[in-house]
Amino acid sequence: MGLDDDDAGGKSSGCGLGHLFRRRGSNSLRSSSAPAITTVDAVPPKPKAAAGSHPLCNNHRQQQSNHLHHQHRQHRQSNHPSNNNGGASSPALVRASSGNVMLYGSLGNLRAPGAATPNRNDVLDFLPMTADEIKLQTTSKNKDSPKARPKPKPKQREAVLCRALSVREDPEELKKKGNDEYMAGNYVDAVDYYERAIAVDPSKPAYWSNKAAALMAQGRILDAIADCREALRVDPSFGRAHHRLGTLYLRTGHGDRAAKQYRLAAHDASPEDMSRAHAVQALVAKCDESRRRGSWKSLLRDVQAAVSAGADASPKLVCYQAEAFLSLQRPEEADAVLGKNGVCMEEETDRHVEIFGAGSCGYLLSTRALVDTAMGRLEAAMAASDEAVRVSPGSREAAGAARQAQAVASARSRGNALFKAGKLREACAAYEEGLREHPGNATLLCNRAACRCKLGEWAAALRDCDAALGARPSYGKARLRRAACNDRLGWWEASVQDYEALLRETPGDEDVAAALAHARTQLGGVTQRRAAA
């Protein structure tokens, strides 16, 4: 599309450069659909003849340039203040053509909405302003008028072809600082220094090994094992890494692996290290036998002996403890053991599989699912059991944990729906079905007690509450329900005891406080009647 001759309209000049103009004093480009005009305060630069261009074309361009120069001088003289009665000079307008227009690079489709031209912000100010924009600039002082298009700030261009060189840190100095932080007990800062040293020079096994020591001090056993392995990948003969890895295996209950690493460590390992490794290996084997026989109390003792011998960070032994507590109907203690030791963290699943295998990880996740089921966290239990099946599809423990979690969750869901529908007998039957899969489940027992309370079967409801509290002594809902049963049965002394226990757990509960006051009043009346009799 050609350019318009002037602001009054006219024929196109026919040049194929598009609406591209350079405005004096402007550092950017503009786009406009108005008639193409340009303000000129200086003589346009004479275009250079292209190499190999025809002489006639050059002469024509020179003549056109001279003509424009002459026309421009006439306009300046006619607009001089002396010829305009002392008035302000107005800018002269000249005809735009290929002689006084310069192309500003490859600009793309500037007029397309949302065009993503790289130099779009620069292009707009090099184009002539539209008539509307000129009008907006002259009326910008009026509050009610639209604001003129602001002139964009110059872009701060990035240096693409050069890059500042960062100061290279001395890895040995970083390692020294990490050692100082480690000796001061600042293990997080020590890890940071070691990581910076590794970033500069990852080929030094000492950096990886020292980082593993700091991670081990934080209790991040699996990460420490991974870094020791990396140190040995860099240098398989690095004795200190072998010794550190052996200690990590010892703490995780893998005495056989620990002994192997101590042998590879050569002079870095002592005879006492080998003795501890063999002792842990024998004690863990004894734990395996106790679990196989189902001797849960013996298993708890054997686990404690192995922990005392050095296997204090063994996920398997922690799960042995949890499994024993579950089998002894002590789920809260099982939950406390897993929570205290941070076993079966979701983000460590892949790392555990990498180091100890899928079967070991599947067992840990299965134990987590069993504990969650016993504690009433059924959604978490199903998630853990599904992950266990995914990690170890052929695991018997994983399949059993998934089956139990699904059965209890299904029974609770169906029983609750029937309870809300007022079908109390059917709800009791649904809860009983789940209890056949998981006897002693406190959640199902407490829910069945609620059904029996609605049915007026206070003694049966009381038995369910007793069983639920036997499994989970801190189960507040079961204790509150049992206190209500004691109220109905007139056993005020037991009711007072339950309400007092609840009030200690929830001191600000006004309903419990009122129920306790009522039970005490009734108990006082019973005591007076007995004394009078």
Protein backbone atom coordinates (compact mmCIF):
# COMPACT_ATOMS: atom_id res chain seq x y z
CA MET A 1 0.00 0.00 0.00
CA GLY A 2 1.36 3.42 -0.95
CA LEU A 3 1.68 6.62 1.09
CA ASP A 4 -0.76 9.51 0.93
CA ASP A 5 0.64 12.75 -0.50
CA ASP A 6 -0.36 15.09 2.34
CA ASP A 7 -2.93 15.68 5.02
CA ALA A 8 -5.44 16.99 2.49
CA GLY A 9 -5.39 13.78 0.54
CA GLY A 10 -4.11 13.16 -2.94
CA LYS A 11 -2.67 10.47 -5.11
CA SER A 12 -0.35 7.87 -3.80
CA SER A 13 3.34 8.14 -4.50
CA GLY A 14 3.38 4.46 -5.31
CA CYS A 15 6.49 3.57 -3.28
CA GLY A 16 6.24 0.19 -1.60
CA LEU A 17 7.90 1.01 1.75
CA GLY A 18 4.76 1.06 3.90
CA HIS A 19 3.83 3.75 6.43
CA LEU A 20 7.36 4.14 7.85
CA PHE A 21 8.76 7.54 8.72
CA ARG A 22 11.52 8.89 10.90
CA ARG A 23 10.47 11.81 13.05
CA ARG A 24 13.14 14.20 14.30
CA GLY A 25 13.88 13.87 18.02
CA SER A 26 12.14 10.50 18.30
CA ASN A 27 13.82 7.30 19.45
CA SER A 28 11.03 4.87 18.70
CA LEU A 29 8.42 4.02 16.08
CA ARG A 30 4.69 4.58 15.70
CA SER A 31 1.96 2.95 13.67
CA SER A 32 -0.78 5.03 12.05
CA SER A 33 -3.65 4.61 9.70
CA ALA A 34 -4.09 8.37 9.17
CA PRO A 35 -2.89 10.20 6.01
CA ALA A 36 0.87 9.86 5.87
CA ILE A 37 2.48 13.22 6.69
CA THR A 38 5.80 14.07 8.22
CA THR A 39 7.21 17.14 9.91
CA VAL A 40 10.68 18.06 8.64
CA ASP A 41 12.94 20.57 10.40
CA ALA A 42 16.12 19.69 8.52
CA VAL A 43 17.15 18.68 5.08
CA PRO A 44 16.67 14.96 4.62
CA PRO A 45 19.87 13.01 4.08
CA LYS A 46 20.82 12.40 0.50
CA PRO A 47 20.27 8.75 -0.30
CA LYS A 48 23.33 6.89 -1.50
CA ALA A 49 23.22 5.22 -4.85
CA ALA A 50 23.06 1.51 -4.63
CA ALA A 51 25.94 -0.45 -6.08
CA GLY A 52 25.29 -1.30 -9.69
CA SER A 53 22.29 1.08 -9.97
CA HIS A 54 21.50 2.72 -13.29
CA PRO A 55 22.92 6.26 -13.82
CA LEU A 56 19.55 7.56 -14.96
CA CYS A 57 17.97 6.43 -11.74
CA ASN A 58 20.71 8.13 -9.78
CA ASN A 59 20.20 11.39 -11.68
CA HIS A 60 16.48 11.18 -11.10
CA ARG A 61 16.96 10.73 -7.36
CA GLN A 62 19.44 13.60 -7.22
CA GLN A 63 17.00 15.88 -9.02
CA GLN A 64 14.19 14.84 -6.71
CA SER A 65 16.35 15.49 -3.67
CA ASN A 66 17.32 18.94 -4.94
CA HIS A 67 13.68 19.72 -5.61
CA LEU A 68 12.72 18.73 -2.07
CA HIS A 69 15.57 20.77 -0.62
CA HIS A 70 14.46 23.81 -2.56
CA GLN A 71 10.82 23.30 -1.57
CA HIS A 72 11.81 22.94 2.06
CA ARG A 73 13.79 26.22 2.04
CA GLN A 74 10.79 28.02 0.55
CA HIS A 75 8.53 26.70 3.30
CA ARG A 76 10.97 27.78 6.00
CA GLN A 77 11.15 31.30 4.56
CA SER A 78 7.39 31.56 4.23
CA ASN A 79 6.93 30.42 7.83
CA HIS A 80 9.62 32.68 9.30
CA PRO A 81 8.33 34.93 12.12
CA SER A 82 9.23 38.01 10.11
CA ASN A 83 6.86 36.86 7.36
CA ASN A 84 4.17 35.81 9.80
CA ASN A 85 3.64 39.02 11.72
CA GLY A 86 5.74 37.81 14.61
CA GLY A 87 3.57 34.75 15.12
CA ALA A 88 4.80 31.31 16.02
CA SER A 89 6.21 29.35 13.18
CA SER A 90 4.32 26.32 12.01
CA PRO A 91 6.09 23.23 10.81
CA ALA A 92 6.35 22.73 7.11
CA LEU A 93 4.95 19.68 5.40
CA VAL A 94 6.70 18.01 2.54
CA ARG A 95 5.69 15.23 0.22
CA ALA A 96 6.89 11.83 1.41
CA SER A 97 8.65 9.71 -1.14
CA SER A 98 11.34 7.09 -1.41
CA GLY A 99 13.93 9.87 -1.28
CA ASN A 100 13.12 11.09 2.23
CA VAL A 101 11.93 7.88 3.87
CA MET A 102 14.22 5.36 5.56
CA LEU A 103 13.20 1.80 6.30
CA TYR A 104 13.68 0.82 9.96
CA GLY A 105 14.46 -2.85 9.63
CA SER A 106 12.01 -5.73 9.28
CA LEU A 107 9.07 -4.48 11.27
CA GLY A 108 6.48 -7.15 10.73
CA ASN A 109 2.75 -6.54 10.69
CA LEU A 110 2.61 -3.54 13.01
CA ARG A 111 -1.06 -2.91 12.57
CA ALA A 112 -2.21 -6.38 13.56
CA PRO A 113 -3.72 -6.39 17.08
CA GLY A 114 -1.39 -8.08 19.53
CA ALA A 115 1.38 -8.41 16.97
CA ALA A 116 4.43 -9.88 18.65
CA THR A 117 7.04 -7.93 16.71
CA PRO A 118 10.32 -7.93 18.68
CA ASN A 119 10.93 -4.20 18.10
CA ARG A 120 7.29 -3.13 18.28
CA ASN A 121 7.82 -0.68 21.12
CA ASP A 122 10.56 1.06 19.13
CA VAL A 123 8.67 1.11 15.84
CA LEU A 124 5.65 3.15 16.97
CA ASP A 125 7.45 6.42 17.58
CA PHE A 126 9.05 6.39 14.13
CA LEU A 127 5.65 6.50 12.45
CA PRO A 128 3.66 9.72 12.01
CA MET A 129 1.03 10.44 14.62
CA THR A 130 -2.56 10.22 13.55
CA ALA A 131 -4.85 13.20 13.53
CA ASP A 132 -6.61 11.85 16.61
CA GLU A 133 -3.30 11.55 18.46
CA ILE A 134 -2.31 15.12 17.58
CA LYS A 135 -5.69 16.28 18.86
CA LEU A 136 -5.26 14.32 22.08
CA GLN A 137 -1.87 15.91 22.70
CA THR A 138 -3.29 19.39 22.35
CA THR A 139 -6.16 18.62 24.75
CA SER A 140 -4.23 16.53 27.28
CA LYS A 141 -4.56 19.25 29.93
CA ASN A 142 -8.32 18.76 30.04
CA LYS A 143 -9.25 16.28 32.78
CA ASP A 144 -12.27 14.96 30.91
CA SER A 145 -10.37 14.30 27.69
CA PRO A 146 -8.65 11.01 26.99
CA LYS A 147 -4.96 10.89 27.72
CA ALA A 148 -2.55 11.08 24.81
CA ARG A 149 -0.58 8.00 24.05
CA PRO A 150 2.49 8.23 26.27
CA LYS A 151 5.87 8.06 24.72
CA PRO A 152 7.41 4.75 25.71
CA LYS A 153 10.65 4.78 27.65
CA PRO A 154 13.73 3.55 25.84
CA LYS A 155 14.16 -0.17 26.27
CA GLN A 156 17.08 -1.44 28.27
CA ARG A 157 18.45 -3.96 25.84
CA GLU A 158 20.23 -7.05 27.04
CA ALA A 159 23.72 -7.70 25.88
CA VAL A 160 23.13 -10.80 23.81
CA LEU A 161 26.62 -11.21 22.44
CA CYS A 162 28.48 -10.74 25.72
CA ARG A 163 28.10 -12.14 29.20
CA ALA A 164 29.65 -11.00 32.47
CA LEU A 165 32.02 -13.50 33.96
CA SER A 166 31.01 -14.58 37.44
CA VAL A 167 33.63 -14.73 40.13
CA ARG A 168 34.73 -18.32 40.44
CA GLU A 169 34.65 -19.45 44.06
CA ASP A 170 37.48 -21.58 45.39
CA PRO A 171 35.97 -25.03 46.09
CA GLU A 172 38.59 -25.84 48.71
CA GLU A 173 37.77 -22.65 50.57
CA LEU A 174 34.08 -23.54 50.40
CA LYS A 175 34.82 -27.01 51.74
CA LYS A 176 36.78 -25.47 54.63
CA LYS A 177 33.85 -23.20 55.48
CA GLY A 178 31.53 -26.21 55.32
CA ASN A 179 33.79 -28.09 57.70
CA ASP A 180 33.74 -25.17 60.13
CA GLU A 181 29.95 -25.05 60.06
CA TYR A 182 29.78 -28.80 60.54
CA MET A 183 32.03 -28.65 63.59
CA ALA A 184 29.86 -25.85 64.97
CA GLY A 185 26.74 -27.97 64.55
CA ASN A 186 25.31 -25.81 61.75
CA TYR A 187 24.58 -28.72 59.46
CA VAL A 188 22.23 -26.88 57.10
CA ASP A 189 24.84 -24.22 56.40
CA ALA A 190 27.48 -26.92 56.03
CA VAL A 191 25.40 -28.65 53.35
CA ASP A 192 25.05 -25.33 51.54
CA TYR A 193 28.83 -24.80 51.43
CA TYR A 194 29.47 -28.36 50.26
CA GLU A 195 26.87 -28.01 47.52
CA ARG A 196 28.54 -24.81 46.32
CA ALA A 197 31.88 -26.58 46.24
CA ILE A 198 30.32 -29.43 44.26
CA ALA A 199 28.82 -26.95 41.81
CA VAL A 200 32.31 -25.58 41.10
CA ASP A 201 34.08 -28.95 40.99
CA PRO A 202 31.89 -32.07 41.14
CA SER A 203 34.87 -34.34 40.53
CA LYS A 204 36.12 -34.25 44.12
CA PRO A 205 34.72 -37.18 46.16
CA ALA A 206 35.50 -35.44 49.47
CA TYR A 207 32.87 -32.79 48.76
CA TRP A 208 30.19 -35.44 48.25
CA SER A 209 31.31 -37.43 51.28
CA ASN A 210 31.38 -34.39 53.57
CA LYS A 211 27.94 -33.37 52.39
CA ALA A 212 26.72 -36.88 53.22
CA ALA A 213 28.07 -36.48 56.75
CA ALA A 214 26.13 -33.24 57.20
CA LEU A 215 22.97 -34.82 55.80
CA MET A 216 23.36 -37.79 58.12
CA ALA A 217 23.63 -35.41 61.07
CA GLN A 218 20.28 -33.93 60.00
CA GLY A 219 18.67 -37.36 59.86
CA ARG A 220 18.42 -37.35 56.06
CA ILE A 221 19.70 -40.89 55.78
CA LEU A 222 18.57 -41.73 52.26
CA ASP A 223 20.01 -38.50 50.83
CA ALA A 224 23.27 -39.18 52.63
CA ILE A 225 23.46 -42.68 51.14
CA ALA A 226 22.89 -41.25 47.67
CA ASP A 227 25.74 -38.74 48.11
CA CYS A 228 28.11 -41.41 49.38
CA ARG A 229 27.30 -43.46 46.32
CA GLU A 230 28.03 -40.44 44.15
CA ALA A 231 31.40 -39.97 45.87
CA LEU A 232 32.26 -43.59 45.12
CA ARG A 233 31.14 -43.21 41.54
CA VAL A 234 33.63 -40.36 41.21
CA ASP A 235 36.38 -42.31 42.98
CA PRO A 236 35.64 -45.98 43.77
CA SER A 237 38.75 -46.20 45.95
CA PHE A 238 37.82 -43.31 48.27
CA GLY A 239 38.03 -45.10 51.64
CA ARG A 240 36.32 -42.43 53.70
CA ALA A 241 33.19 -42.63 51.55
CA HIS A 242 33.18 -46.42 51.91
CA HIS A 243 33.41 -46.07 55.68
CA ARG A 244 30.65 -43.45 55.80
CA LEU A 245 28.40 -45.55 53.58
CA GLY A 246 29.03 -48.55 55.81
CA THR A 247 27.95 -46.53 58.84
CA LEU A 248 24.78 -45.47 57.04
CA TYR A 249 23.98 -49.08 56.13
CA LEU A 250 24.62 -50.07 59.74
CA ARG A 251 22.14 -47.46 60.98
CA THR A 252 19.51 -48.65 58.51
CA GLY A 253 19.84 -52.23 59.79
CA HIS A 254 21.72 -53.66 56.82
CA GLY A 255 24.63 -55.26 58.65
CA ASP A 256 25.75 -57.30 55.65
CA ARG A 257 26.03 -54.23 53.45
CA ALA A 258 27.81 -52.35 56.22
CA ALA A 259 30.40 -55.12 56.58
CA LYS A 260 31.08 -55.06 52.84
CA GLN A 261 31.69 -51.31 52.84
CA TYR A 262 33.95 -51.55 55.88
CA ARG A 263 36.06 -54.12 54.09
CA LEU A 264 36.37 -51.81 51.09
CA ALA A 265 37.28 -48.91 53.36
CA ALA A 266 40.47 -50.78 54.35
CA HIS A 267 42.41 -48.73 56.92
CA ASP A 268 39.53 -46.24 57.34
CA ALA A 269 37.47 -48.95 59.13
CA SER A 270 38.34 -50.46 62.49
CA PRO A 271 37.75 -53.97 63.84
CA GLU A 272 35.08 -52.51 66.11
CA ASP A 273 33.18 -51.35 63.02
CA MET A 274 33.15 -54.87 61.64
CA SER A 275 32.01 -56.26 64.99
CA ARG A 276 29.07 -53.84 65.15
CA ALA A 277 28.08 -54.72 61.60
CA HIS A 278 27.99 -58.44 62.38
CA ALA A 279 26.09 -57.83 65.63
CA VAL A 280 23.41 -55.77 63.88
CA GLN A 281 23.11 -58.40 61.17
CA ALA A 282 22.48 -61.11 63.77
CA LEU A 283 19.96 -59.02 65.76
CA VAL A 284 17.95 -58.08 62.66
CA ALA A 285 17.80 -61.75 61.70
CA LYS A 286 16.40 -62.48 65.15
CA CYS A 287 13.75 -59.79 64.60
CA ASP A 288 12.82 -61.42 61.29
CA GLU A 289 12.31 -64.74 63.06
CA SER A 290 10.15 -63.25 65.83
CA ARG A 291 7.92 -61.56 63.25
CA ARG A 292 7.62 -64.77 61.25
CA ARG A 293 6.45 -66.62 64.36
CA GLY A 294 4.03 -63.84 65.32
CA SER A 295 5.67 -63.39 68.71
CA TRP A 296 4.87 -59.69 68.96
CA LYS A 297 6.14 -58.98 72.44
CA SER A 298 9.40 -60.76 71.68
CA LEU A 299 9.63 -58.77 68.46
CA LEU A 300 9.40 -55.50 70.39
CA ARG A 301 12.26 -56.59 72.63
CA ASP A 302 14.39 -57.76 69.72
CA VAL A 303 13.85 -54.54 67.84
CA GLN A 304 14.95 -52.51 70.82
CA ALA A 305 18.12 -54.61 71.09
CA ALA A 306 18.95 -54.02 67.41
CA VAL A 307 18.37 -50.30 67.77
CA SER A 308 20.68 -50.17 70.78
CA ALA A 309 23.37 -51.99 68.77
CA GLY A 310 23.40 -49.21 66.16
CA ALA A 311 20.42 -49.77 63.84
CA ASP A 312 18.72 -46.60 65.08
CA ALA A 313 17.51 -45.41 61.67
CA SER A 314 16.12 -48.61 60.20
CA PRO A 315 12.75 -48.12 58.49
CA LYS A 316 12.16 -51.87 58.55
CA LEU A 317 12.64 -52.13 62.31
CA VAL A 318 10.33 -49.16 62.86
CA CYS A 319 7.67 -50.89 60.82
CA TYR A 320 8.25 -54.08 62.80
CA GLN A 321 7.46 -52.11 65.95
CA ALA A 322 4.34 -50.60 64.38
CA GLU A 323 3.13 -53.99 63.18
CA ALA A 324 3.65 -55.47 66.64
CA PHE A 325 1.69 -52.66 68.29
CA LEU A 326 -1.16 -53.10 65.80
CA SER A 327 -1.28 -56.82 66.49
CA LEU A 328 -1.43 -56.08 70.22
CA GLN A 329 -4.38 -53.69 69.65
CA ARG A 330 -2.28 -50.62 70.43
CA PRO A 331 -2.67 -48.55 67.25
CA GLU A 332 -1.92 -45.22 68.87
CA GLU A 333 1.54 -46.43 69.86
CA ALA A 334 2.05 -47.73 66.33
CA ASP A 335 1.09 -44.32 64.96
CA ALA A 336 3.46 -42.60 67.39
CA VAL A 337 6.35 -44.83 66.29
CA LEU A 338 5.84 -44.05 62.60
CA GLY A 339 5.33 -40.35 63.24
CA LYS A 340 8.40 -40.07 65.44
CA ASN A 341 10.70 -41.70 62.92
CA GLY A 342 9.24 -40.13 59.79
CA VAL A 343 8.94 -43.44 57.98
CA CYS A 344 7.31 -43.76 54.57
CA MET A 345 7.45 -40.14 53.52
CA GLU A 346 5.90 -39.83 50.07
CA GLU A 347 8.78 -37.79 48.63
CA GLU A 348 11.26 -40.53 49.65
CA THR A 349 9.48 -43.41 47.93
CA ASP A 350 11.54 -43.35 44.74
CA ARG A 351 14.78 -42.91 46.65
CA HIS A 352 13.94 -45.84 48.92
CA VAL A 353 13.16 -48.06 45.94
CA GLU A 354 16.46 -47.07 44.36
CA ILE A 355 18.50 -47.93 47.45
CA PHE A 356 16.67 -50.81 49.15
CA GLY A 357 14.37 -52.20 46.47
CA ALA A 358 10.67 -52.26 45.68
CA GLY A 359 9.82 -55.04 48.15
CA SER A 360 11.17 -53.11 51.12
CA CYS A 361 9.39 -49.93 50.08
CA GLY A 362 6.12 -51.81 49.52
CA TYR A 363 6.29 -53.20 53.05
CA LEU A 364 6.84 -49.75 54.54
CA LEU A 365 3.90 -48.27 52.64
CA SER A 366 1.70 -51.22 53.59
CA THR A 367 2.48 -50.67 57.27
CA ARG A 368 1.66 -47.00 56.91
CA ALA A 369 -1.68 -47.93 55.34
CA LEU A 370 -2.52 -50.36 58.16
CA VAL A 371 -1.81 -47.73 60.82
CA ASP A 372 -3.87 -45.11 58.98
CA THR A 373 -6.76 -47.56 58.74
CA ALA A 374 -6.62 -48.28 62.47
CA MET A 375 -6.54 -44.55 63.24
CA GLY A 376 -9.54 -43.80 61.04
CA ARG A 377 -7.59 -41.95 58.34
CA LEU A 378 -9.15 -44.02 55.60
CA GLU A 379 -8.44 -41.75 52.66
CA ALA A 380 -4.75 -41.66 53.56
CA ALA A 381 -4.81 -45.42 54.11
CA MET A 382 -6.19 -46.07 50.64
CA ALA A 383 -3.65 -43.73 49.07
CA ALA A 384 -0.75 -45.46 50.86
CA SER A 385 -2.01 -48.94 50.01
CA ASP A 386 -2.48 -48.01 46.35
CA GLU A 387 1.08 -46.70 46.26
CA ALA A 388 2.31 -49.90 47.91
CA VAL A 389 0.61 -52.00 45.23
CA ARG A 390 2.04 -49.78 42.52
CA VAL A 391 5.58 -49.99 43.88
CA SER A 392 5.47 -53.70 44.68
CA PRO A 393 2.64 -55.37 42.74
CA GLY A 394 3.45 -58.86 43.97
CA SER A 395 3.74 -57.95 47.65
CA ARG A 396 1.48 -59.93 49.98
CA GLU A 397 1.61 -57.15 52.58
CA ALA A 398 0.58 -54.54 50.02
CA ALA A 399 -2.38 -56.60 48.84
CA GLY A 400 -3.56 -57.22 52.41
CA ALA A 401 -3.27 -53.57 53.39
CA ALA A 402 -5.21 -52.49 50.29
CA ARG A 403 -7.95 -55.03 50.94
CA GLN A 404 -8.35 -53.99 54.58
CA ALA A 405 -8.38 -50.25 53.83
CA GLN A 406 -10.96 -50.73 51.07
CA ALA A 407 -13.21 -52.90 53.25
CA VAL A 408 -13.22 -50.49 56.20
CA ALA A 409 -13.72 -47.44 54.00
CA SER A 410 -16.60 -49.09 52.14
CA ALA A 411 -18.27 -50.23 55.37
CA ARG A 412 -18.02 -46.79 56.91
CA SER A 413 -19.40 -45.10 53.79
CA ARG A 414 -22.39 -47.45 53.48
CA GLY A 415 -23.10 -47.42 57.20
CA ASN A 416 -23.06 -43.64 57.37
CA ALA A 417 -25.43 -43.35 54.44
CA LEU A 418 -27.86 -45.79 56.04
CA PHE A 419 -27.59 -44.00 59.39
CA LYS A 420 -28.50 -40.68 57.80
CA ALA A 421 -31.45 -42.36 56.07
CA GLY A 422 -32.71 -43.60 59.44
CA LYS A 423 -32.09 -47.26 58.61
CA LEU A 424 -30.33 -48.00 61.88
CA ARG A 425 -30.41 -51.82 61.79
CA GLU A 426 -29.00 -51.88 58.28
CA ALA A 427 -26.32 -49.39 59.31
CA CYS A 428 -25.27 -51.65 62.18
CA ALA A 429 -24.99 -54.55 59.75
CA ALA A 430 -22.82 -52.48 57.39
CA TYR A 431 -20.43 -51.56 60.20
CA GLU A 432 -20.29 -55.20 61.33
CA GLU A 433 -19.25 -56.26 57.85
CA GLY A 434 -16.26 -53.96 58.04
CA LEU A 435 -15.42 -55.23 61.53
CA ARG A 436 -15.19 -58.76 60.16
CA GLU A 437 -12.34 -57.59 57.92
CA HIS A 438 -10.71 -55.44 60.60
CA PRO A 439 -11.77 -56.52 64.11
CA GLY A 440 -11.38 -53.86 66.73
CA ASN A 441 -11.47 -50.93 64.32
CA ALA A 442 -12.28 -48.02 66.63
CA THR A 443 -14.02 -45.94 63.96
CA LEU A 444 -16.49 -48.67 63.03
CA LEU A 445 -17.12 -49.55 66.69
CA CYS A 446 -17.86 -45.96 67.59
CA ASN A 447 -20.21 -45.57 64.62
CA ARG A 448 -22.06 -48.75 65.53
CA ALA A 449 -22.38 -47.41 69.08
CA ALA A 450 -24.10 -44.32 67.65
CA CYS A 451 -26.66 -46.56 65.89
CA ARG A 452 -27.32 -48.49 69.10
CA CYS A 453 -27.77 -45.27 71.07
CA LYS A 454 -30.45 -44.22 68.56
CA LEU A 455 -32.07 -47.62 69.03
CA GLY A 456 -31.98 -47.23 72.82
CA GLU A 457 -29.58 -50.14 73.22
CA TRP A 458 -27.45 -48.31 75.78
CA ALA A 459 -25.65 -51.32 77.22
CA ALA A 460 -24.62 -52.60 73.77
CA ALA A 461 -23.53 -49.10 72.78
CA LEU A 462 -21.49 -48.88 75.97
CA ARG A 463 -19.67 -52.11 75.07
CA ASP A 464 -18.79 -50.75 71.64
CA CYS A 465 -17.44 -47.56 73.20
CA ASP A 466 -15.36 -49.56 75.67
CA ALA A 467 -13.87 -51.58 72.81
CA ALA A 468 -13.11 -48.46 70.76
CA LEU A 469 -11.40 -46.78 73.71
CA GLY A 470 -9.48 -49.96 74.43
CA ALA A 471 -7.90 -49.64 70.98
CA ARG A 472 -7.59 -45.85 70.99
CA PRO A 473 -7.62 -44.40 74.53
CA SER A 474 -7.50 -40.82 73.23
CA TYR A 475 -10.53 -41.25 70.94
CA GLY A 476 -12.58 -38.31 72.15
CA LYS A 477 -15.77 -39.09 70.24
CA ALA A 478 -15.95 -42.59 71.69
CA ARG A 479 -15.38 -41.23 75.22
CA LEU A 480 -18.13 -38.63 74.81
CA ARG A 481 -20.53 -41.29 73.54
CA ARG A 482 -19.66 -43.56 76.45
CA ALA A 483 -20.32 -40.76 78.91
CA ALA A 484 -23.76 -40.28 77.34
CA CYS A 485 -24.43 -44.02 77.70
CA ASN A 486 -23.47 -43.87 81.37
CA ASP A 487 -25.86 -40.94 81.82
CA ARG A 488 -28.72 -42.95 80.37
CA LEU A 489 -27.86 -45.96 82.48
CA GLY A 490 -27.58 -43.84 85.62
CA TRP A 491 -23.93 -44.68 86.17
CA TRP A 492 -23.01 -41.17 87.22
CA GLU A 493 -19.63 -41.88 88.68
CA ALA A 494 -18.31 -43.34 85.40
CA SER A 495 -19.97 -40.49 83.55
CA VAL A 496 -18.19 -37.90 85.70
CA GLN A 497 -14.85 -39.60 85.04
CA ASP A 498 -15.33 -39.49 81.28
CA TYR A 499 -16.46 -35.86 81.28
CA GLU A 500 -13.50 -34.86 83.42
CA ALA A 501 -11.12 -36.58 81.01
CA LEU A 502 -12.77 -34.81 78.07
CA LEU A 503 -12.58 -31.44 79.79
CA ARG A 504 -8.84 -31.91 80.35
CA GLU A 505 -8.40 -32.51 76.64
CA THR A 506 -10.71 -29.63 75.59
CA PRO A 507 -10.73 -27.11 78.46
CA GLY A 508 -12.91 -24.56 76.66
CA ASP A 509 -15.75 -26.90 75.66
CA GLU A 510 -18.87 -25.43 77.27
CA ASP A 511 -21.10 -28.40 76.39
CA VAL A 512 -18.77 -30.82 78.12
CA ALA A 513 -18.52 -28.50 81.13
CA ALA A 514 -22.33 -28.34 81.38
CA ALA A 515 -22.63 -32.12 81.06
CA LEU A 516 -20.03 -32.56 83.77
CA ALA A 517 -21.89 -30.22 86.11
CA HIS A 518 -25.11 -32.13 85.52
CA ALA A 519 -23.42 -35.49 86.14
CA ARG A 520 -21.86 -34.20 89.37
CA THR A 521 -25.21 -32.97 90.57
CA GLN A 522 -26.81 -36.33 89.89
CA LEU A 523 -23.93 -38.14 91.53
CA GLY A 524 -24.27 -35.92 94.60
CA GLY A 525 -27.96 -36.74 94.85
CA VAL A 526 -27.28 -40.46 94.59
CA THR A 527 -24.62 -40.20 97.28
CA GLN A 528 -27.02 -38.37 99.64
CA ARG A 529 -29.75 -40.95 99.11
CA ARG A 530 -27.33 -43.74 99.84
CA ALA A 531 -26.18 -42.01 103.00
CA ALA A 532 -29.78 -41.46 104.13
CA ALA A 533 -30.58 -45.09 103.54
